[in-house]
Amino acid sequence: MSETFASLRLVPKADAPQSGKDFKSDQEVRWCPGCGDYAILAGVQSFLPELGLKKENIVFVSGIGCSSRFPYYMNTYGLHSIHGRAPAIATGLSTSREDLSVWVVTGDGDALSIGGNHLIHALRRNVNLKILLFNNRIYGLTKGQYSPTSEMGKITKSTPMGSLDYPFNPVSVAIGAEASFVARTIDSDRKHLTETLRRAAAHEGTALVEIYQNCNIFNDGAWEPLKDSDSAEDLLIRLVHGEPITFGKDASHGVIRDADGSLKVAAAAEVGSDAFIVHDAHAADSSYAFALSRLSHPETLANTPIGVFRDVVRPVYDQQMSHQVEDAIKSRGAGDLAALIRGKDTWTVS
């Protein structure tokens, strides 16, 4: 229940127990058959009852793209907004209505292309909202152009000779913007997805969750090595706070701190398991989480961490703004909008 989520203490509680069905709208889900968005939608709908909140006090805001159809399928309030602006709109909602649980649903193109500035400013301000960034490394809705996360050399309709752009790493971008909570999960791993959503919901401030999502029409298999049972164990690094960072069969590999202070992958047979660092998601210095985010190879997907990279306490923008407004009212009164409009300041429009 939401009593365990400090970030939701001002949001009204549901009057009765809820189930995933309570959060399914009457709209036909219209993604391509086999799209990874279905798994994410089901995961979110089955998780929300844990929060124990009134549906009328939950809002999903999206931008554009396939992922941004999400609000239609949620039996909550929602807003399908415009390209890249979802974080800005959600910021206004969250700061003006502390009785709302505000979620942003966006994609790699929507969030990191035209929406890049809105995203990083929401993160640095630490507004109390949760951002789900679906990353399929392609523009799906507009039928297969390369996106800000597409690999170098990627051949698409807009890059017939291969992309020349070096791809963004969304987790690195978020940590570089001083985000207080950054995590990564995978659409097909329901248990991990749910736990990651739970951690994000509990966080006070902005939480960004990158979700590796498959577009089976225009970029099928983009993350397949991380899902295939024969290869995933050797590629995925599952981050668990307070536990050594290991991966591979029988924890054969792990992450160590090199002599120059950087992080790198090493074999237990060469360095000994005692050399593996213990994950600290609460480390105040963001350089540690950033170094973890740089371990993964953008093409082979080797050494890809998933889980919570960073979860630290910072002042929450909404709370600070609310205190400023309260202080202003105490010292200057509630104010009079009509008097302000009729005041000394004038505007000339020509």
Protein backbone atom coordinates (compact mmCIF):
# COMPACT_ATOMS: atom_id res chain seq x y z
CA MET A 1 0.00 0.00 0.00
CA SER A 2 1.03 3.63 -0.52
CA GLU A 3 1.81 4.08 3.19
CA THR A 4 5.18 2.52 2.35
CA PHE A 5 5.80 5.03 -0.43
CA ALA A 6 6.91 8.34 1.08
CA SER A 7 6.69 10.00 -2.34
CA LEU A 8 2.92 9.36 -2.39
CA ARG A 9 1.94 10.43 1.13
CA LEU A 10 -0.18 13.34 -0.17
CA VAL A 11 -2.03 11.27 -2.78
CA PRO A 12 -5.53 10.09 -1.71
CA LYS A 13 -5.85 6.37 -1.02
CA ALA A 14 -8.24 4.01 -2.77
CA ASP A 15 -11.43 3.15 -0.90
CA ALA A 16 -11.19 -0.58 -1.65
CA PRO A 17 -8.62 -3.18 -2.74
CA GLN A 18 -7.67 -2.98 -6.42
CA SER A 19 -6.55 -5.40 -9.11
CA GLY A 20 -4.86 -5.00 -12.46
CA LYS A 21 -8.26 -5.04 -14.17
CA ASP A 22 -9.15 -1.78 -12.44
CA PHE A 23 -6.45 -0.03 -14.45
CA LYS A 24 -7.45 -1.38 -17.87
CA SER A 25 -9.40 1.10 -19.97
CA ASP A 26 -12.14 0.21 -22.44
CA GLN A 27 -9.90 1.11 -25.40
CA GLU A 28 -8.66 -1.53 -27.82
CA VAL A 29 -4.88 -1.85 -27.49
CA ARG A 30 -3.55 -1.07 -30.94
CA TRP A 31 0.13 -1.82 -31.06
CA CYS A 32 1.58 -4.24 -33.59
CA PRO A 33 1.17 -7.88 -32.54
CA GLY A 34 4.29 -8.95 -30.66
CA CYS A 35 5.32 -5.41 -29.66
CA GLY A 36 7.18 -5.18 -26.36
CA ASP A 37 4.83 -2.39 -25.26
CA TYR A 38 2.18 -5.01 -24.44
CA ALA A 39 4.43 -6.56 -21.78
CA ILE A 40 5.22 -3.17 -20.25
CA LEU A 41 1.54 -2.17 -20.20
CA ALA A 42 0.59 -5.41 -18.46
CA GLY A 43 3.42 -4.97 -15.99
CA VAL A 44 2.37 -1.44 -15.07
CA GLN A 45 -1.31 -2.35 -14.78
CA SER A 46 -0.56 -5.30 -12.50
CA PHE A 47 1.82 -3.20 -10.35
CA LEU A 48 -0.33 -0.10 -9.74
CA PRO A 49 -2.69 -1.80 -7.24
CA GLU A 50 0.31 -2.04 -4.89
CA LEU A 51 0.26 1.74 -4.57
CA GLY A 52 -3.30 1.70 -3.24
CA LEU A 53 -4.14 5.08 -4.79
CA LYS A 54 -7.37 6.44 -6.18
CA LYS A 55 -7.33 6.04 -9.95
CA GLU A 56 -8.55 9.62 -10.27
CA ASN A 57 -5.29 10.82 -8.68
CA ILE A 58 -2.96 9.01 -11.07
CA VAL A 59 -1.93 10.70 -14.32
CA PHE A 60 0.02 9.35 -17.28
CA VAL A 61 1.53 11.95 -19.63
CA SER A 62 3.07 10.96 -22.96
CA GLY A 63 4.67 12.67 -25.94
CA ILE A 64 4.60 11.10 -29.40
CA GLY A 65 5.51 7.71 -30.79
CA CYS A 66 4.20 4.19 -30.29
CA SER A 67 4.90 4.26 -26.55
CA SER A 68 2.86 7.43 -26.21
CA ARG A 69 -0.42 5.63 -26.86
CA PHE A 70 -0.01 4.35 -23.30
CA PRO A 71 -2.44 6.80 -21.60
CA TYR A 72 -5.34 5.55 -23.77
CA TYR A 73 -5.02 2.09 -22.27
CA MET A 74 -4.82 3.15 -18.62
CA ASN A 75 -8.03 3.62 -16.64
CA THR A 76 -6.58 6.75 -15.02
CA TYR A 77 -6.31 10.34 -16.10
CA GLY A 78 -3.95 10.80 -19.03
CA LEU A 79 -2.65 13.28 -21.54
CA HIS A 80 -1.26 12.43 -24.97
CA SER A 81 0.78 15.56 -25.52
CA ILE A 82 3.24 16.74 -28.18
CA HIS A 83 6.69 15.76 -29.33
CA GLY A 84 9.21 15.79 -26.49
CA ARG A 85 7.14 17.96 -24.14
CA ALA A 86 5.79 15.31 -21.76
CA PRO A 87 8.37 16.06 -19.00
CA ALA A 88 7.52 19.77 -19.14
CA ILE A 89 3.77 19.17 -18.91
CA ALA A 90 4.27 16.60 -16.14
CA THR A 91 6.43 19.10 -14.25
CA GLY A 92 3.56 21.59 -14.25
CA LEU A 93 1.11 18.95 -13.07
CA SER A 94 3.34 17.64 -10.31
CA THR A 95 4.32 21.03 -8.93
CA SER A 96 0.77 22.41 -8.94
CA ARG A 97 -1.01 19.26 -7.72
CA GLU A 98 0.80 17.45 -4.93
CA ASP A 99 -2.20 15.13 -4.60
CA LEU A 100 -1.33 13.45 -7.92
CA SER A 101 0.94 10.55 -8.79
CA VAL A 102 2.42 11.69 -12.12
CA TRP A 103 4.03 9.31 -14.63
CA VAL A 104 5.67 10.11 -17.96
CA VAL A 105 5.74 7.55 -20.77
CA THR A 106 8.15 8.33 -23.58
CA GLY A 107 10.47 6.69 -26.10
CA ASP A 108 14.10 7.02 -27.14
CA GLY A 109 13.21 9.30 -30.05
CA ASP A 110 10.62 11.39 -28.19
CA ALA A 111 12.72 11.87 -25.05
CA LEU A 112 16.24 12.18 -26.44
CA SER A 113 15.75 14.04 -29.71
CA ILE A 114 13.50 17.11 -29.61
CA GLY A 115 12.63 16.33 -25.99
CA GLY A 116 16.21 16.21 -24.73
CA ASN A 117 16.19 19.61 -23.02
CA HIS A 118 12.86 19.01 -21.30
CA LEU A 119 14.10 15.65 -20.03
CA ILE A 120 17.38 16.85 -18.52
CA HIS A 121 15.77 19.84 -16.80
CA ALA A 122 13.08 17.67 -15.19
CA LEU A 123 15.86 15.38 -13.96
CA ARG A 124 18.08 18.12 -12.57
CA ARG A 125 15.14 19.84 -10.83
CA ASN A 126 14.16 16.56 -9.17
CA VAL A 127 10.43 17.02 -9.70
CA ASN A 128 8.32 14.31 -8.05
CA LEU A 129 7.47 12.33 -11.18
CA LYS A 130 8.37 8.96 -12.69
CA ILE A 131 9.64 8.68 -16.25
CA LEU A 132 9.37 5.40 -18.18
CA LEU A 133 11.62 5.61 -21.24
CA PHE A 134 10.93 2.83 -23.76
CA ASN A 135 14.10 2.23 -25.78
CA ASN A 136 13.78 0.21 -28.99
CA ARG A 137 16.61 2.01 -30.84
CA ILE A 138 14.34 3.03 -33.73
CA TYR A 139 11.52 5.40 -34.71
CA GLY A 140 8.61 2.96 -34.93
CA LEU A 141 5.54 5.14 -35.41
CA THR A 142 7.05 6.92 -38.43
CA LYS A 143 8.05 3.57 -39.90
CA GLY A 144 11.68 2.86 -39.23
CA GLN A 145 14.06 5.82 -39.13
CA TYR A 146 17.17 5.75 -36.92
CA SER A 147 16.83 7.20 -33.43
CA PRO A 148 19.24 8.84 -30.95
CA THR A 149 20.00 5.39 -29.50
CA SER A 150 20.53 3.53 -32.80
CA GLU A 151 23.94 1.94 -33.26
CA MET A 152 26.57 3.55 -35.45
CA GLY A 153 26.30 2.14 -38.96
CA LYS A 154 22.61 1.33 -38.50
CA ILE A 155 20.92 1.07 -41.89
CA THR A 156 17.41 2.49 -41.82
CA LYS A 157 15.08 4.34 -44.16
CA SER A 158 16.69 7.64 -43.18
CA THR A 159 20.26 6.27 -43.09
CA PRO A 160 20.51 4.02 -46.17
CA MET A 161 24.32 4.00 -45.97
CA GLY A 162 24.45 3.63 -42.20
CA SER A 163 24.07 6.05 -39.31
CA LEU A 164 27.04 8.31 -38.58
CA ASP A 165 25.72 9.35 -35.15
CA TYR A 166 27.24 7.97 -31.97
CA PRO A 167 24.29 6.73 -29.91
CA PHE A 168 23.07 8.21 -26.66
CA ASN A 169 23.14 6.01 -23.58
CA PRO A 170 19.93 7.10 -21.77
CA VAL A 171 21.22 6.02 -18.35
CA SER A 172 24.45 7.98 -18.85
CA VAL A 173 22.46 11.04 -19.96
CA ALA A 174 20.25 10.86 -16.88
CA ILE A 175 23.14 10.45 -14.46
CA GLY A 176 25.00 13.28 -16.18
CA ALA A 177 21.93 15.47 -15.62
CA GLU A 178 22.23 14.75 -11.86
CA ALA A 179 19.12 12.54 -11.73
CA SER A 180 18.52 11.25 -8.21
CA PHE A 181 17.11 7.89 -9.36
CA VAL A 182 18.17 6.02 -12.51
CA ALA A 183 17.40 2.41 -13.39
CA ARG A 184 17.20 0.04 -16.36
CA THR A 185 15.05 -3.01 -16.96
CA ILE A 186 13.76 -5.21 -19.80
CA ASP A 187 10.22 -5.50 -21.19
CA SER A 188 10.09 -9.31 -21.09
CA ASP A 189 11.42 -9.73 -17.53
CA ARG A 190 8.19 -9.19 -15.57
CA LYS A 191 9.71 -9.83 -12.13
CA HIS A 192 12.57 -7.40 -12.69
CA LEU A 193 10.30 -4.83 -14.33
CA THR A 194 7.89 -4.90 -11.38
CA GLU A 195 10.63 -4.58 -8.78
CA THR A 196 12.17 -1.67 -10.70
CA LEU A 197 8.79 0.11 -10.90
CA ARG A 198 8.36 -0.45 -7.16
CA ARG A 199 11.72 1.15 -6.40
CA ALA A 200 10.98 4.08 -8.72
CA ALA A 201 7.55 4.71 -7.19
CA ALA A 202 9.04 4.78 -3.70
CA HIS A 203 11.63 7.40 -4.65
CA GLU A 204 11.02 11.03 -3.72
CA GLY A 205 11.86 13.11 -6.75
CA THR A 206 12.35 12.29 -10.42
CA ALA A 207 12.90 8.62 -11.20
CA LEU A 208 13.97 7.61 -14.70
CA VAL A 209 13.55 3.99 -15.75
CA GLU A 210 14.95 2.97 -19.12
CA ILE A 211 13.12 -0.08 -20.46
CA TYR A 212 14.72 -2.12 -23.23
CA GLN A 213 11.73 -2.74 -25.51
CA ASN A 214 11.49 -4.70 -28.72
CA CYS A 215 10.02 -3.28 -31.93
CA ASN A 216 9.37 -6.51 -33.84
CA ILE A 217 8.43 -4.69 -37.05
CA PHE A 218 11.23 -2.18 -37.65
CA ASN A 219 14.03 -3.32 -35.33
CA ASP A 220 13.25 -6.86 -34.28
CA GLY A 221 15.73 -8.52 -31.95
CA ALA A 222 17.50 -5.31 -30.92
CA TRP A 223 17.95 -6.69 -27.38
CA GLU A 224 17.66 -10.41 -28.17
CA PRO A 225 21.12 -11.40 -26.81
CA LEU A 226 20.00 -10.05 -23.41
CA LYS A 227 16.82 -12.16 -23.52
CA ASP A 228 18.18 -15.38 -24.98
CA SER A 229 18.74 -17.95 -22.22
CA ASP A 230 21.96 -19.14 -23.86
CA SER A 231 23.62 -15.73 -23.87
CA ALA A 232 21.91 -13.51 -21.30
CA GLU A 233 23.77 -14.96 -18.31
CA ASP A 234 27.11 -13.96 -19.83
CA LEU A 235 25.98 -10.48 -20.92
CA LEU A 236 23.67 -9.16 -18.21
CA ILE A 237 25.03 -7.60 -15.02
CA ARG A 238 22.22 -7.55 -12.45
CA LEU A 239 22.81 -4.69 -10.00
CA VAL A 240 21.64 -5.34 -6.44
CA HIS A 241 22.40 -2.78 -3.75
CA GLY A 242 24.74 -4.16 -1.11
CA GLU A 243 25.82 -7.19 -3.13
CA PRO A 244 29.02 -7.84 -5.15
CA ILE A 245 28.62 -7.01 -8.83
CA THR A 246 29.04 -10.39 -10.54
CA PHE A 247 27.67 -12.13 -13.61
CA GLY A 248 28.22 -15.20 -15.75
CA LYS A 249 27.88 -18.86 -14.83
CA ASP A 250 28.81 -19.39 -11.18
CA ALA A 251 29.64 -15.66 -10.91
CA SER A 252 32.66 -16.21 -13.12
CA HIS A 253 33.03 -12.50 -13.87
CA GLY A 254 32.52 -9.27 -12.00
CA VAL A 255 33.28 -5.57 -11.84
CA ILE A 256 36.46 -4.27 -10.23
CA ARG A 257 38.01 -0.87 -9.69
CA ASP A 258 41.15 -0.55 -11.79
CA ALA A 259 44.39 1.08 -10.69
CA ASP A 260 43.39 4.35 -12.37
CA GLY A 261 40.08 4.41 -10.47
CA SER A 262 37.90 3.37 -13.40
CA LEU A 263 35.57 0.37 -13.40
CA LYS A 264 36.15 -2.65 -15.58
CA VAL A 265 35.07 -6.27 -15.98
CA ALA A 266 37.42 -9.01 -14.83
CA ALA A 267 37.35 -12.78 -14.42
CA ALA A 268 37.19 -14.22 -10.91
CA ALA A 269 39.88 -16.73 -11.89
CA GLU A 270 42.29 -13.85 -12.55
CA VAL A 271 41.57 -11.36 -9.76
CA GLY A 272 39.70 -13.39 -7.13
CA SER A 273 36.08 -12.84 -6.16
CA ASP A 274 37.11 -10.64 -3.22
CA ALA A 275 38.18 -7.99 -5.73
CA PHE A 276 34.63 -7.48 -7.03
CA ILE A 277 33.11 -4.23 -5.81
CA VAL A 278 29.89 -4.15 -3.81
CA HIS A 279 27.14 -2.17 -5.49
CA ASP A 280 26.21 1.07 -3.73
CA ALA A 281 23.15 2.64 -5.36
CA HIS A 282 23.18 5.32 -2.66
CA ALA A 283 26.70 6.60 -3.39
CA ALA A 284 26.63 10.39 -3.24
CA ASP A 285 29.23 10.79 -6.00
CA SER A 286 27.45 10.29 -9.33
CA SER A 287 30.71 9.32 -11.05
CA TYR A 288 30.35 5.77 -9.69
CA ALA A 289 26.91 5.24 -11.25
CA PHE A 290 28.10 6.91 -14.45
CA ALA A 291 31.06 4.54 -14.66
CA LEU A 292 28.68 1.58 -14.32
CA SER A 293 26.56 2.94 -17.16
CA ARG A 294 29.62 2.99 -19.44
CA LEU A 295 30.42 -0.72 -19.03
CA SER A 296 27.99 -1.91 -21.71
CA HIS A 297 29.08 -2.23 -25.33
CA PRO A 298 26.61 -0.40 -27.63
CA GLU A 299 26.84 -3.01 -30.39
CA THR A 300 27.56 -6.40 -28.82
CA LEU A 301 25.62 -5.57 -25.60
CA ALA A 302 28.38 -7.22 -23.57
CA ASN A 303 28.55 -6.19 -19.90
CA THR A 304 25.08 -4.60 -19.81
CA PRO A 305 23.98 -3.62 -16.28
CA ILE A 306 20.30 -3.66 -15.35
CA GLY A 307 18.72 -2.63 -12.07
CA VAL A 308 19.04 0.55 -10.04
CA PHE A 309 22.22 2.48 -10.83
CA ARG A 310 21.55 5.44 -8.56
CA ASP A 311 19.08 6.16 -5.77
CA VAL A 312 20.03 9.19 -3.67
CA VAL A 313 18.24 11.78 -1.57
CA ARG A 314 18.06 15.31 -2.95
CA PRO A 315 15.67 18.21 -2.25
CA VAL A 316 12.41 17.71 -4.15
CA TYR A 317 11.41 20.60 -6.42
CA ASP A 318 7.67 20.36 -5.67
CA GLN A 319 8.18 20.52 -1.93
CA GLN A 320 10.57 23.47 -2.15
CA MET A 321 8.20 25.41 -4.41
CA SER A 322 5.27 24.70 -2.09
CA HIS A 323 7.27 26.06 0.84
CA GLN A 324 8.15 29.20 -1.13
CA VAL A 325 4.48 29.81 -1.93
CA GLU A 326 3.51 29.30 1.71
CA ASP A 327 6.22 31.72 2.87
CA ALA A 328 5.12 34.31 0.31
CA ILE A 329 1.48 34.10 1.44
CA LYS A 330 2.50 34.48 5.08
CA SER A 331 4.63 37.54 4.40
CA ARG A 332 2.67 39.23 1.60
CA GLY A 333 -0.84 37.82 1.72
CA ALA A 334 -2.67 35.60 -0.73
CA GLY A 335 -2.48 38.12 -3.55
CA ASP A 336 -5.09 39.44 -5.94
CA LEU A 337 -4.83 38.50 -9.60
CA ALA A 338 -7.32 41.17 -10.72
CA ALA A 339 -5.35 43.84 -8.87
CA LEU A 340 -2.15 42.61 -10.50
CA ILE A 341 -3.68 42.89 -13.98
CA ARG A 342 -4.92 46.41 -13.22
CA GLY A 343 -1.64 47.38 -11.58
CA LYS A 344 1.16 49.74 -12.56
CA ASP A 345 2.80 47.46 -15.10
CA THR A 346 1.53 47.96 -18.65
CA TRP A 347 1.93 46.06 -21.88
CA THR A 348 1.92 47.51 -25.37
CA VAL A 349 0.87 45.18 -28.18
CA SER A 350 1.35 46.37 -31.71
